[in-house]
Protein backbone atom coordinates (compact mmCIF):
# COMPACT_ATOMS: atom_id res chain seq x y z
CA UNK A 1 0.08 -34.57 50.67
CA UNK A 2 -0.74 -34.02 54.36
CA UNK A 3 -4.25 -32.82 55.25
CA UNK A 4 -4.36 -30.22 58.03
CA UNK A 5 -7.14 -28.66 59.98
CA UNK A 6 -6.56 -25.10 61.27
CA UNK A 7 -8.82 -22.44 62.65
CA UNK A 8 -8.01 -19.02 61.27
CA UNK A 9 -9.81 -15.98 62.60
CA UNK A 10 -12.53 -18.22 64.07
CA UNK A 11 -13.18 -20.19 60.89
CA UNK A 12 -12.04 -23.85 60.67
CA UNK A 13 -10.32 -24.83 57.43
CA UNK A 14 -9.16 -28.25 56.20
CA UNK A 15 -6.49 -28.08 53.51
CA UNK A 16 -4.19 -30.47 51.73
CA UNK A 17 -0.74 -28.85 51.89
CA UNK A 18 2.73 -29.55 50.64
CA UNK A 19 5.00 -30.43 53.60
CA UNK A 20 7.20 -27.44 52.86
CA UNK A 21 4.38 -24.78 52.55
CA UNK A 22 4.93 -21.91 54.90
CA UNK A 23 2.03 -20.75 57.13
CA UNK A 24 2.25 -17.28 55.58
CA UNK A 25 1.59 -18.72 52.13
CA UNK A 26 -1.27 -20.81 53.42
CA UNK A 27 -2.85 -17.76 54.94
CA UNK A 28 -2.33 -15.46 51.98
CA UNK A 29 -2.51 -17.68 48.92
CA UNK A 30 -4.99 -20.42 49.98
CA UNK A 31 -7.16 -18.63 52.58
CA UNK A 32 -7.09 -15.09 51.23
CA UNK A 33 -5.69 -13.49 54.44
CA UNK A 34 -3.70 -10.83 52.57
CA UNK A 35 -3.43 -8.52 55.57
CA UNK A 36 -0.53 -10.72 56.63
CA UNK A 37 2.29 -9.45 54.29
CA UNK A 38 5.27 -11.39 53.08
CA UNK A 39 8.14 -9.13 54.02
CA UNK A 40 11.51 -10.81 53.90
CA UNK A 41 10.65 -14.53 53.83
CA UNK A 42 13.61 -15.09 56.16
CA UNK A 43 12.02 -14.24 59.55
CA UNK A 44 14.07 -11.05 59.85
CA UNK A 45 11.42 -8.32 59.51
CA UNK A 46 8.34 -9.57 61.45
CA UNK A 47 5.79 -8.13 59.01
CA UNK A 48 4.16 -11.56 58.78
CA UNK A 49 3.61 -11.98 62.53
CA UNK A 50 0.39 -13.65 63.50
CA UNK A 51 -0.91 -15.27 66.77
CA UNK A 52 -0.57 -19.09 66.77
CA UNK A 53 -2.35 -20.55 69.79
CA UNK A 54 -2.20 -17.16 71.54
CA UNK A 55 1.45 -16.54 70.94
CA UNK A 56 2.94 -14.26 68.28
CA UNK A 57 4.97 -16.05 65.63
CA UNK A 58 6.56 -15.04 62.29
CA UNK A 59 4.41 -16.99 59.92
CA UNK A 60 7.24 -17.24 57.32
CA UNK A 61 9.17 -19.41 59.83
CA UNK A 62 6.28 -21.83 60.58
CA UNK A 63 5.37 -24.66 58.25
CA UNK A 64 1.64 -24.99 57.60
CA UNK A 65 1.80 -28.59 58.81
CA UNK A 66 3.11 -27.32 62.14
CA UNK A 67 -0.13 -25.34 62.56
CA UNK A 68 -2.30 -28.45 62.22
CA UNK A 69 -4.92 -28.39 64.98
CA UNK A 70 -4.00 -24.85 65.96
CA UNK A 71 -5.87 -21.57 66.29
CA UNK A 72 -4.42 -18.75 64.21
CA UNK A 73 -5.36 -15.04 64.47
CA UNK A 74 -4.33 -12.70 61.73
CA UNK A 75 -4.60 -8.89 61.71
CA UNK A 76 -7.87 -9.44 59.88
CA UNK A 77 -9.23 -11.41 62.81
CA UNK A 78 -8.70 -8.61 65.40
CA UNK A 79 -11.49 -6.27 64.34
CA UNK A 80 -15.06 -7.27 65.05
CA UNK A 81 -18.10 -5.93 63.17
CA UNK A 82 -16.08 -3.00 61.78
CA UNK A 83 -14.71 -2.00 65.14
CA UNK A 84 -10.94 -1.87 65.50
CA UNK A 85 -9.15 -3.79 68.20
CA UNK A 86 -7.79 -1.43 70.90
CA UNK A 87 -4.22 -1.85 69.62
CA UNK A 88 -5.21 -1.10 66.03
CA UNK A 89 -7.07 1.99 67.27
CA UNK A 90 -4.00 3.07 69.27
CA UNK A 91 -1.79 2.74 66.19
CA UNK A 92 -4.35 4.79 64.21
CA UNK A 93 -4.58 7.55 66.86
CA UNK A 94 -0.82 7.80 67.28
CA UNK A 95 -0.22 7.78 63.49
CA UNK A 96 2.15 4.86 64.09
CA UNK A 97 2.55 3.94 60.41
CA UNK A 98 3.76 5.54 57.30
CA UNK A 99 3.86 2.94 54.51
CA UNK A 100 1.97 0.51 56.63
CA UNK A 101 3.94 -2.64 55.55
CA UNK A 102 5.14 -3.45 59.01
CA UNK A 103 1.92 -2.45 60.78
CA UNK A 104 0.12 -5.85 60.87
CA UNK A 105 3.21 -7.56 62.41
CA UNK A 106 3.82 -4.67 64.85
CA UNK A 107 0.20 -4.73 66.05
CA UNK A 108 0.32 -8.51 66.54
CA UNK A 109 3.64 -8.37 68.37
CA UNK A 110 2.48 -5.54 70.57
CA UNK A 111 -0.65 -7.47 71.62
CA UNK A 112 1.59 -10.40 72.52
CA UNK A 113 3.92 -8.13 74.42
CA UNK A 114 1.02 -6.75 76.49
CA UNK A 115 -0.10 -10.29 77.25
CA UNK A 116 3.27 -10.82 78.92
CA UNK A 117 3.62 -7.34 80.45
CA UNK A 118 0.36 -5.28 80.60
CA UNK A 119 2.14 -2.08 81.64
CA UNK A 120 5.50 -2.12 79.85
CA UNK A 121 8.10 0.66 80.02
CA UNK A 122 9.35 2.27 76.84
CA UNK A 123 12.53 0.18 77.07
CA UNK A 124 10.48 -3.04 77.45
CA UNK A 125 8.38 -2.05 74.39
CA UNK A 126 11.50 -1.37 72.28
CA UNK A 127 12.97 -4.76 73.37
CA UNK A 128 9.68 -6.57 72.82
CA UNK A 129 9.38 -5.29 69.29
CA UNK A 130 13.01 -5.90 68.41
CA UNK A 131 12.15 -8.63 65.93
CA UNK A 132 9.84 -6.38 63.98
CA UNK A 133 11.42 -3.91 61.60
CA UNK A 134 10.07 -0.55 60.41
CA UNK A 135 11.90 1.27 57.73
CA UNK A 136 9.75 4.49 57.90
CA UNK A 137 8.73 5.69 61.32
CA UNK A 138 11.74 5.68 63.55
CA UNK A 139 9.71 3.71 66.13
CA UNK A 140 8.73 6.70 68.31
CA UNK A 141 5.05 6.69 67.29
CA UNK A 142 4.91 2.88 67.41
CA UNK A 143 6.19 2.93 71.08
CA UNK A 144 3.57 5.62 71.86
CA UNK A 145 0.88 3.56 70.21
CA UNK A 146 1.83 0.50 72.27
CA UNK A 147 1.74 2.58 75.50
CA UNK A 148 -1.66 3.92 74.50
CA UNK A 149 -2.89 0.48 73.60
CA UNK A 150 -1.62 -0.80 76.99
CA UNK A 151 -3.95 1.67 78.76
CA UNK A 152 -7.00 0.19 77.04
CA UNK A 153 -8.99 -2.81 78.24
CA UNK A 154 -8.91 -5.50 75.69
CA UNK A 155 -5.50 -4.53 74.16
CA UNK A 156 -4.01 -7.83 75.25
CA UNK A 157 -6.05 -9.78 72.73
CA UNK A 158 -9.40 -10.13 74.48
CA UNK A 159 -11.26 -8.65 71.53
CA UNK A 160 -12.30 -5.43 70.01
CA UNK A 161 -12.75 -2.20 71.87
CA UNK A 162 -16.26 -1.22 72.87
CA UNK A 163 -15.69 2.34 71.61
CA UNK A 164 -17.74 2.81 68.37
CA UNK A 165 -15.72 3.40 65.27
CA UNK A 166 -17.49 4.58 62.10
CA UNK A 167 -16.74 2.77 58.87
CA UNK A 168 -15.43 6.01 57.46
CA UNK A 169 -12.75 6.15 60.23
CA UNK A 170 -11.80 2.53 59.72
CA UNK A 171 -11.75 2.41 55.92
CA UNK A 172 -8.53 4.41 55.40
CA UNK A 173 -6.73 1.97 57.67
CA UNK A 174 -8.19 -1.16 56.10
CA UNK A 175 -5.23 -1.88 53.86
CA UNK A 176 -2.39 -1.61 56.47
CA UNK A 177 -4.46 -2.95 59.32
CA UNK A 178 -5.75 -5.91 57.35
CA UNK A 179 -9.42 -5.27 57.81
CA UNK A 180 -12.23 -5.91 55.32
CA UNK A 181 -14.38 -2.85 55.88
CA UNK A 182 -17.12 -1.61 53.57
CA UNK A 183 -18.46 1.84 53.65
CA UNK A 184 -22.06 2.72 52.73
């Protein structure tokens, strides 16, 4: 079995992996990063989108061995010290989720979109999120959330917002936003 080294959310891991193991399964099953959902397992839905060396990828279409030596950021790696990333906060404020299943992938794809175009039009946002499916919202609130996130410093992946967020405000979002947040 090949041995790989990969940094996930700032922590370096060395793992022996089957050559056919998908990155999404390494993240979820071996490393406990369950905020990255397995949606379709065919790269159609985008729910499993993560950042691989700064670029969004559908982790169900990447073999774990292809990530050897890479830096991976999952939805769980966006928040710092219980403070939501600006894009997570924008999704929360715009109520851009219903069931929440697509939310991690949408947030990651939106961050990558803003890296390419920091002030996208509605049409550009819709085109940029084409590979990420939502079966609940109708996309209007998602597009608004991306526009709101675009107006915030740090929404392009530079780190969490400096705006304080109480654990009580973050906790309800923890499941769909992929955060491990504890409340007192």
